[in-house]
Amino acid sequence: MTNYVNEAAFFAWYDEVAAEPEQSRPALLEDVARQYRETRQAEYVLPSAQTRTGREERYPLRYENVGCCGASTVFYCF
């Protein structure tokens, strides 16, 4: 199970820095999870081509995996 904590703060940041509004908030959260799985970096990176400033933007997050034996719960905390 995947949970997102304080996602309103993340969405506010995204709305401020992104050149285009997100098409789907659930899809944006899945992109956060995808980036973490691929990079294992505790931050969400928005490429420069997708920002208002033309610079890469980063949002820190905390990843927690609670539980064991196949009954774990994942938290992405913003």
PDB file of N, CA and C in Angstrom:
ATOM      1  N   MET A   1       0.848  -1.170   0.000  1.00  0.00           N
ATOM      2  CA  MET A   1       0.000   0.000   0.000  1.00  0.00           C
ATOM      3  C   MET A   1       0.896   1.236   0.000  1.00  0.00           C
ATOM      4  N   THR A   2       0.524   2.239  -0.769  1.00  0.00           N
ATOM      5  CA  THR A   2       1.281   3.482  -0.864  1.00  0.00           C
ATOM      6  C   THR A   2       0.453   4.631  -0.325  1.00  0.00           C
ATOM      7  N   ASN A   3       1.076   5.441   0.523  1.00  0.00           N
ATOM      8  CA  ASN A   3       0.424   6.612   1.107  1.00  0.00           C
ATOM      9  C   ASN A   3       1.276   7.842   0.835  1.00  0.00           C
ATOM     10  N   TYR A   4       0.611   8.959   0.641  1.00  0.00           N
ATOM     11  CA  TYR A   4       1.288  10.237   0.439  1.00  0.00           C
ATOM     12  C   TYR A   4       0.871  11.162   1.570  1.00  0.00           C
ATOM     13  N   VAL A   5       1.857  11.764   2.233  1.00  0.00           N
ATOM     14  CA  VAL A   5       1.607  12.605   3.397  1.00  0.00           C
ATOM     15  C   VAL A   5       1.919  14.052   3.043  1.00  0.00           C
ATOM     16  N   ASN A   6       0.969  14.941   3.318  1.00  0.00           N
ATOM     17  CA  ASN A   6       1.106  16.374   3.067  1.00  0.00           C
ATOM     18  C   ASN A   6       1.265  16.673   1.575  1.00  0.00           C
ATOM     19  N   GLU A   7       0.539  15.946   0.755  1.00  0.00           N
ATOM     20  CA  GLU A   7       0.644  16.156  -0.692  1.00  0.00           C
ATOM     21  C   GLU A   7       0.161  17.533  -1.121  1.00  0.00           C
ATOM     22  N   ALA A   8      -0.662  18.206  -0.302  1.00  0.00           N
ATOM     23  CA  ALA A   8      -1.126  19.555  -0.653  1.00  0.00           C
ATOM     24  C   ALA A   8       0.064  20.509  -0.786  1.00  0.00           C
ATOM     25  N   ALA A   9       1.057  20.374   0.083  1.00  0.00           N
ATOM     26  CA  ALA A   9       2.251  21.222  -0.004  1.00  0.00           C
ATOM     27  C   ALA A   9       3.014  20.934  -1.298  1.00  0.00           C
ATOM     28  N   PHE A  10       3.111  19.677  -1.661  1.00  0.00           N
ATOM     29  CA  PHE A  10       3.785  19.309  -2.905  1.00  0.00           C
ATOM     30  C   PHE A  10       3.040  19.867  -4.116  1.00  0.00           C
ATOM     31  N   PHE A  11       1.716  19.728  -4.129  1.00  0.00           N
ATOM     32  CA  PHE A  11       0.935  20.255  -5.254  1.00  0.00           C
ATOM     33  C   PHE A  11       1.070  21.773  -5.353  1.00  0.00           C
ATOM     34  N   ALA A  12       1.120  22.473  -4.216  1.00  0.00           N
ATOM     35  CA  ALA A  12       1.289  23.934  -4.229  1.00  0.00           C
ATOM     36  C   ALA A  12       2.636  24.300  -4.843  1.00  0.00           C
ATOM     37  N   TRP A  13       3.698  23.572  -4.457  1.00  0.00           N
ATOM     38  CA  TRP A  13       5.019  23.803  -5.048  1.00  0.00           C
ATOM     39  C   TRP A  13       4.974  23.547  -6.552  1.00  0.00           C
ATOM     40  N   TYR A  14       4.392  22.432  -6.961  1.00  0.00           N
ATOM     41  CA  TYR A  14       4.329  22.075  -8.376  1.00  0.00           C
ATOM     42  C   TYR A  14       3.593  23.158  -9.166  1.00  0.00           C
ATOM     43  N   ASP A  15       2.457  23.600  -8.640  1.00  0.00           N
ATOM     44  CA  ASP A  15       1.684  24.637  -9.332  1.00  0.00           C
ATOM     45  C   ASP A  15       2.493  25.926  -9.482  1.00  0.00           C
ATOM     46  N   GLU A  16       3.369  26.200  -8.530  1.00  0.00           N
ATOM     47  CA  GLU A  16       4.185  27.412  -8.560  1.00  0.00           C
ATOM     48  C   GLU A  16       5.330  27.329  -9.568  1.00  0.00           C
ATOM     49  N   VAL A  17       5.959  26.161  -9.692  1.00  0.00           N
ATOM     50  CA  VAL A  17       7.172  26.070 -10.521  1.00  0.00           C
ATOM     51  C   VAL A  17       6.960  25.467 -11.905  1.00  0.00           C
ATOM     52  N   ALA A  18       5.917  24.683 -12.082  1.00  0.00           N
ATOM     53  CA  ALA A  18       5.720  23.982 -13.357  1.00  0.00           C
ATOM     54  C   ALA A  18       5.223  24.934 -14.444  1.00  0.00           C
ATOM     55  N   ALA A  19       5.745  24.764 -15.640  1.00  0.00           N
ATOM     56  CA  ALA A  19       5.327  25.580 -16.775  1.00  0.00           C
ATOM     57  C   ALA A  19       3.894  25.256 -17.194  1.00  0.00           C
ATOM     58  N   GLU A  20       3.504  24.000 -17.047  1.00  0.00           N
ATOM     59  CA  GLU A  20       2.159  23.556 -17.406  1.00  0.00           C
ATOM     60  C   GLU A  20       1.517  22.909 -16.178  1.00  0.00           C
ATOM     61  N   PRO A  21       0.224  23.096 -15.987  1.00  0.00           N
ATOM     62  CA  PRO A  21      -0.422  22.431 -14.859  1.00  0.00           C
ATOM     63  C   PRO A  21      -0.428  20.911 -15.048  1.00  0.00           C
ATOM     64  N   GLU A  22      -0.413  20.197 -13.940  1.00  0.00           N
ATOM     65  CA  GLU A  22      -0.457  18.733 -14.052  1.00  0.00           C
ATOM     66  C   GLU A  22      -1.803  18.309 -14.631  1.00  0.00           C
ATOM     67  N   GLN A  23      -1.778  17.246 -15.382  1.00  0.00           N
ATOM     68  CA  GLN A  23      -3.000  16.737 -15.993  1.00  0.00           C
ATOM     69  C   GLN A  23      -3.822  15.932 -14.990  1.00  0.00           C
ATOM     70  N   SER A  24      -3.134  15.287 -14.070  1.00  0.00           N
ATOM     71  CA  SER A  24      -3.798  14.420 -13.108  1.00  0.00           C
ATOM     72  C   SER A  24      -2.956  14.357 -11.842  1.00  0.00           C
ATOM     73  N   ARG A  25      -3.536  14.725 -10.725  1.00  0.00           N
ATOM     74  CA  ARG A  25      -2.785  14.658  -9.467  1.00  0.00           C
ATOM     75  C   ARG A  25      -2.388  13.230  -9.112  1.00  0.00           C
ATOM     76  N   PRO A  26      -3.253  12.236  -9.300  1.00  0.00           N
ATOM     77  CA  PRO A  26      -2.810  10.855  -9.046  1.00  0.00           C
ATOM     78  C   PRO A  26      -1.631  10.452  -9.945  1.00  0.00           C
ATOM     79  N   ALA A  27      -1.639  10.893 -11.193  1.00  0.00           N
ATOM     80  CA  ALA A  27      -0.530  10.574 -12.096  1.00  0.00           C
ATOM     81  C   ALA A  27       0.747  11.275 -11.650  1.00  0.00           C
ATOM     82  N   LEU A  28       0.634  12.494 -11.129  1.00  0.00           N
ATOM     83  CA  LEU A  28       1.802  13.208 -10.633  1.00  0.00           C
ATOM     84  C   LEU A  28       2.391  12.483  -9.420  1.00  0.00           C
ATOM     85  N   LEU A  29       1.529  11.999  -8.520  1.00  0.00           N
ATOM     86  CA  LEU A  29       2.022  11.243  -7.363  1.00  0.00           C
ATOM     87  C   LEU A  29       2.676   9.942  -7.804  1.00  0.00           C
ATOM     88  N   GLU A  30       2.130   9.309  -8.807  1.00  0.00           N
ATOM     89  CA  GLU A  30       2.765   8.089  -9.333  1.00  0.00           C
ATOM     90  C   GLU A  30       4.125   8.409  -9.939  1.00  0.00           C
ATOM     91  N   ASP A  31       4.257   9.596 -10.532  1.00  0.00           N
ATOM     92  CA  ASP A  31       5.548   9.997 -11.072  1.00  0.00           C
ATOM     93  C   ASP A  31       6.563  10.199  -9.950  1.00  0.00           C
ATOM     94  N   VAL A  32       6.119  10.719  -8.811  1.00  0.00           N
ATOM     95  CA  VAL A  32       6.994  10.841  -7.637  1.00  0.00           C
ATOM     96  C   VAL A  32       7.515   9.455  -7.255  1.00  0.00           C
ATOM     97  N   ALA A  33       6.613   8.479  -7.157  1.00  0.00           N
ATOM     98  CA  ALA A  33       6.996   7.112  -6.785  1.00  0.00           C
ATOM     99  C   ALA A  33       7.925   6.506  -7.837  1.00  0.00           C
ATOM    100  N   ARG A  34       7.627   6.734  -9.108  1.00  0.00           N
ATOM    101  CA  ARG A  34       8.469   6.202 -10.186  1.00  0.00           C
ATOM    102  C   ARG A  34       9.880   6.765 -10.100  1.00  0.00           C
ATOM    103  N   GLN A  35       9.969   8.086  -9.921  1.00  0.00           N
ATOM    104  CA  GLN A  35      11.302   8.697  -9.822  1.00  0.00           C
ATOM    105  C   GLN A  35      12.076   8.118  -8.642  1.00  0.00           C
ATOM    106  N   TYR A  36      11.400   7.952  -7.499  1.00  0.00           N
ATOM    107  CA  TYR A  36      12.103   7.410  -6.339  1.00  0.00           C
ATOM    108  C   TYR A  36      12.576   5.979  -6.612  1.00  0.00           C
ATOM    109  N   ARG A  37      11.716   5.167  -7.190  1.00  0.00           N
ATOM    110  CA  ARG A  37      12.102   3.776  -7.488  1.00  0.00           C
ATOM    111  C   ARG A  37      13.309   3.728  -8.426  1.00  0.00           C
ATOM    112  N   GLU A  38      13.347   4.628  -9.393  1.00  0.00           N
ATOM    113  CA  GLU A  38      14.426   4.614 -10.382  1.00  0.00           C
ATOM    114  C   GLU A  38      15.730   5.214  -9.863  1.00  0.00           C
ATOM    115  N   THR A  39      15.649   6.240  -9.019  1.00  0.00           N
ATOM    116  CA  THR A  39      16.852   6.958  -8.604  1.00  0.00           C
ATOM    117  C   THR A  39      17.248   6.725  -7.153  1.00  0.00           C
ATOM    118  N   ARG A  40      16.294   6.350  -6.321  1.00  0.00           N
ATOM    119  CA  ARG A  40      16.498   6.203  -4.871  1.00  0.00           C
ATOM    120  C   ARG A  40      16.965   7.515  -4.233  1.00  0.00           C
ATOM    121  N   GLN A  41      16.632   8.629  -4.870  1.00  0.00           N
ATOM    122  CA  GLN A  41      16.937   9.953  -4.342  1.00  0.00           C
ATOM    123  C   GLN A  41      15.692  10.499  -3.652  1.00  0.00           C
ATOM    124  N   ALA A  42      15.859  11.066  -2.464  1.00  0.00           N
ATOM    125  CA  ALA A  42      14.726  11.564  -1.686  1.00  0.00           C
ATOM    126  C   ALA A  42      14.360  12.985  -2.119  1.00  0.00           C
ATOM    127  N   GLU A  43      14.026  13.117  -3.393  1.00  0.00           N
ATOM    128  CA  GLU A  43      13.578  14.388  -3.940  1.00  0.00           C
ATOM    129  C   GLU A  43      12.870  14.128  -5.267  1.00  0.00           C
ATOM    130  N   TYR A  44      11.950  15.027  -5.573  1.00  0.00           N
ATOM    131  CA  TYR A  44      11.287  14.971  -6.871  1.00  0.00           C
ATOM    132  C   TYR A  44      11.946  16.021  -7.746  1.00  0.00           C
ATOM    133  N   VAL A  45      12.350  15.639  -8.946  1.00  0.00           N
ATOM    134  CA  VAL A  45      13.045  16.556  -9.857  1.00  0.00           C
ATOM    135  C   VAL A  45      12.126  16.872 -11.039  1.00  0.00           C
ATOM    136  N   LEU A  46      11.943  18.148 -11.256  1.00  0.00           N
ATOM    137  CA  LEU A  46      11.202  18.624 -12.419  1.00  0.00           C
ATOM    138  C   LEU A  46      12.225  19.191 -13.393  1.00  0.00           C
ATOM    139  N   PRO A  47      12.362  18.589 -14.576  1.00  0.00           N
ATOM    140  CA  PRO A  47      13.390  19.026 -15.539  1.00  0.00           C
ATOM    141  C   PRO A  47      13.202  20.480 -15.959  1.00  0.00           C
ATOM    142  N   SER A  48      14.291  21.105 -16.336  1.00  0.00           N
ATOM    143  CA  SER A  48      14.271  22.520 -16.701  1.00  0.00           C
ATOM    144  C   SER A  48      13.284  22.825 -17.824  1.00  0.00           C
ATOM    145  N   ALA A  49      13.107  21.909 -18.747  1.00  0.00           N
ATOM    146  CA  ALA A  49      12.174  22.127 -19.861  1.00  0.00           C
ATOM    147  C   ALA A  49      10.720  22.192 -19.399  1.00  0.00           C
ATOM    148  N   GLN A  50      10.452  21.759 -18.179  1.00  0.00           N
ATOM    149  CA  GLN A  50       9.077  21.731 -17.670  1.00  0.00           C
ATOM    150  C   GLN A  50       8.819  22.776 -16.593  1.00  0.00           C
ATOM    151  N   THR A  51       9.768  23.710 -16.395  1.00  0.00           N
ATOM    152  CA  THR A  51       9.600  24.716 -15.348  1.00  0.00           C
ATOM    153  C   THR A  51       9.398  26.104 -15.923  1.00  0.00           C
ATOM    154  N   ARG A  52       8.854  26.983 -15.116  1.00  0.00           N
ATOM    155  CA  ARG A  52       8.662  28.376 -15.521  1.00  0.00           C
ATOM    156  C   ARG A  52       9.985  29.126 -15.608  1.00  0.00           C
ATOM    157  N   THR A  53      10.921  28.744 -14.753  1.00  0.00           N
ATOM    158  CA  THR A  53      12.201  29.451 -14.679  1.00  0.00           C
ATOM    159  C   THR A  53      13.201  28.995 -15.725  1.00  0.00           C
ATOM    160  N   GLY A  54      12.982  27.804 -16.300  1.00  0.00           N
ATOM    161  CA  GLY A  54      13.955  27.249 -17.221  1.00  0.00           C
ATOM    162  C   GLY A  54      15.103  26.568 -16.496  1.00  0.00           C
ATOM    163  N   ARG A  55      14.991  26.467 -15.164  1.00  0.00           N
ATOM    164  CA  ARG A  55      15.993  25.767 -14.359  1.00  0.00           C
ATOM    165  C   ARG A  55      15.356  24.513 -13.771  1.00  0.00           C
ATOM    166  N   GLU A  56      16.160  23.515 -13.565  1.00  0.00           N
ATOM    167  CA  GLU A  56      15.679  22.304 -12.901  1.00  0.00           C
ATOM    168  C   GLU A  56      15.208  22.678 -11.493  1.00  0.00           C
ATOM    169  N   GLU A  57      14.066  22.153 -11.095  1.00  0.00           N
ATOM    170  CA  GLU A  57      13.520  22.414  -9.766  1.00  0.00           C
ATOM    171  C   GLU A  57      13.449  21.096  -9.007  1.00  0.00           C
ATOM    172  N   ARG A  58      13.686  21.158  -7.697  1.00  0.00           N
ATOM    173  CA  ARG A  58      13.702  19.955  -6.857  1.00  0.00           C
ATOM    174  C   ARG A  58      12.825  20.152  -5.628  1.00  0.00           C
ATOM    175  N   TYR A  59      12.140  19.088  -5.245  1.00  0.00           N
ATOM    176  CA  TYR A  59      11.316  19.121  -4.034  1.00  0.00           C
ATOM    177  C   TYR A  59      11.740  17.952  -3.150  1.00  0.00           C
ATOM    178  N   PRO A  60      12.202  18.233  -1.922  1.00  0.00           N
ATOM    179  CA  PRO A  60      12.642  17.147  -1.042  1.00  0.00           C
ATOM    180  C   PRO A  60      11.458  16.336  -0.521  1.00  0.00           C
ATOM    181  N   LEU A  61      11.694  15.071  -0.275  1.00  0.00           N
ATOM    182  CA  LEU A  61      10.673  14.212   0.308  1.00  0.00           C
ATOM    183  C   LEU A  61      11.347  13.181   1.195  1.00  0.00           C
ATOM    184  N   ARG A  62      10.543  12.516   1.983  1.00  0.00           N
ATOM    185  CA  ARG A  62      11.060  11.435   2.823  1.00  0.00           C
ATOM    186  C   ARG A  62      10.315  10.167   2.429  1.00  0.00           C
ATOM    187  N   TYR A  63      11.061   9.101   2.248  1.00  0.00           N
ATOM    188  CA  TYR A  63      10.503   7.805   1.883  1.00  0.00           C
ATOM    189  C   TYR A  63      10.597   6.887   3.097  1.00  0.00           C
ATOM    190  N   GLU A  64       9.495   6.213   3.428  1.00  0.00           N
ATOM    191  CA  GLU A  64       9.495   5.243   4.515  1.00  0.00           C
ATOM    192  C   GLU A  64       8.766   3.991   4.059  1.00  0.00           C
ATOM    193  N   ASN A  65       9.337   2.848   4.390  1.00  0.00           N
ATOM    194  CA  ASN A  65       8.709   1.561   4.114  1.00  0.00           C
ATOM    195  C   ASN A  65       8.512   0.885   5.469  1.00  0.00           C
ATOM    196  N   VAL A  66       7.261   0.800   5.909  1.00  0.00           N
ATOM    197  CA  VAL A  66       6.942   0.291   7.229  1.00  0.00           C
ATOM    198  C   VAL A  66       6.323  -1.090   7.094  1.00  0.00           C
ATOM    199  N   GLY A  67       6.827  -2.026   7.848  1.00  0.00           N
ATOM    200  CA  GLY A  67       6.277  -3.368   7.841  1.00  0.00           C
ATOM    201  C   GLY A  67       7.267  -4.371   7.294  1.00  0.00           C
ATOM    202  N   CYS A  68       6.811  -5.605   7.192  1.00  0.00           N
ATOM    203  CA  CYS A  68       7.663  -6.675   6.687  1.00  0.00           C
ATOM    204  C   CYS A  68       6.802  -7.845   6.239  1.00  0.00           C
ATOM    205  N   CYS A  69       7.449  -8.862   5.745  1.00  0.00           N
ATOM    206  CA  CYS A  69       6.780 -10.113   5.361  1.00  0.00           C
ATOM    207  C   CYS A  69       5.675  -9.900   4.329  1.00  0.00           C
ATOM    208  N   GLY A  70       5.903  -9.004   3.395  1.00  0.00           N
ATOM    209  CA  GLY A  70       4.931  -8.776   2.339  1.00  0.00           C
ATOM    210  C   GLY A  70       3.770  -7.892   2.737  1.00  0.00           C
ATOM    211  N   ALA A  71       3.767  -7.381   3.961  1.00  0.00           N
ATOM    212  CA  ALA A  71       2.673  -6.525   4.425  1.00  0.00           C
ATOM    213  C   ALA A  71       3.179  -5.119   4.675  1.00  0.00           C
ATOM    214  N   SER A  72       4.053  -4.633   3.821  1.00  0.00           N
ATOM    215  CA  SER A  72       4.625  -3.314   4.054  1.00  0.00           C
ATOM    216  C   SER A  72       3.716  -2.204   3.515  1.00  0.00           C
ATOM    217  N   THR A  73       3.884  -1.039   4.113  1.00  0.00           N
ATOM    218  CA  THR A  73       3.185   0.165   3.682  1.00  0.00           C
ATOM    219  C   THR A  73       4.249   1.195   3.371  1.00  0.00           C
ATOM    220  N   VAL A  74       4.160   1.811   2.217  1.00  0.00           N
ATOM    221  CA  VAL A  74       5.116   2.821   1.768  1.00  0.00           C
ATOM    222  C   VAL A  74       4.521   4.195   1.997  1.00  0.00           C
ATOM    223  N   PHE A  75       5.354   5.103   2.524  1.00  0.00           N
ATOM    224  CA  PHE A  75       4.947   6.488   2.730  1.00  0.00           C
ATOM    225  C   PHE A  75       5.909   7.396   1.970  1.00  0.00           C
ATOM    226  N   TYR A  76       5.346   8.337   1.233  1.00  0.00           N
ATOM    227  CA  TYR A  76       6.112   9.422   0.640  1.00  0.00           C
ATOM    228  C   TYR A  76       5.640  10.673   1.382  1.00  0.00           C
ATOM    229  N   CYS A  77       6.542  11.277   2.141  1.00  0.00           N
ATOM    230  CA  CYS A  77       6.196  12.425   2.968  1.00  0.00           C
ATOM    231  C   CYS A  77       6.782  13.694   2.362  1.00  0.00           C
ATOM    232  N   PHE A  78       5.937  14.665   2.132  1.00  0.00           N
ATOM    233  CA  PHE A  78       6.370  15.930   1.521  1.00  0.00           C
ATOM    234  C   PHE A  78       6.520  17.000   2.588  1.00  0.00           C
TER     235      PHE A  78
END
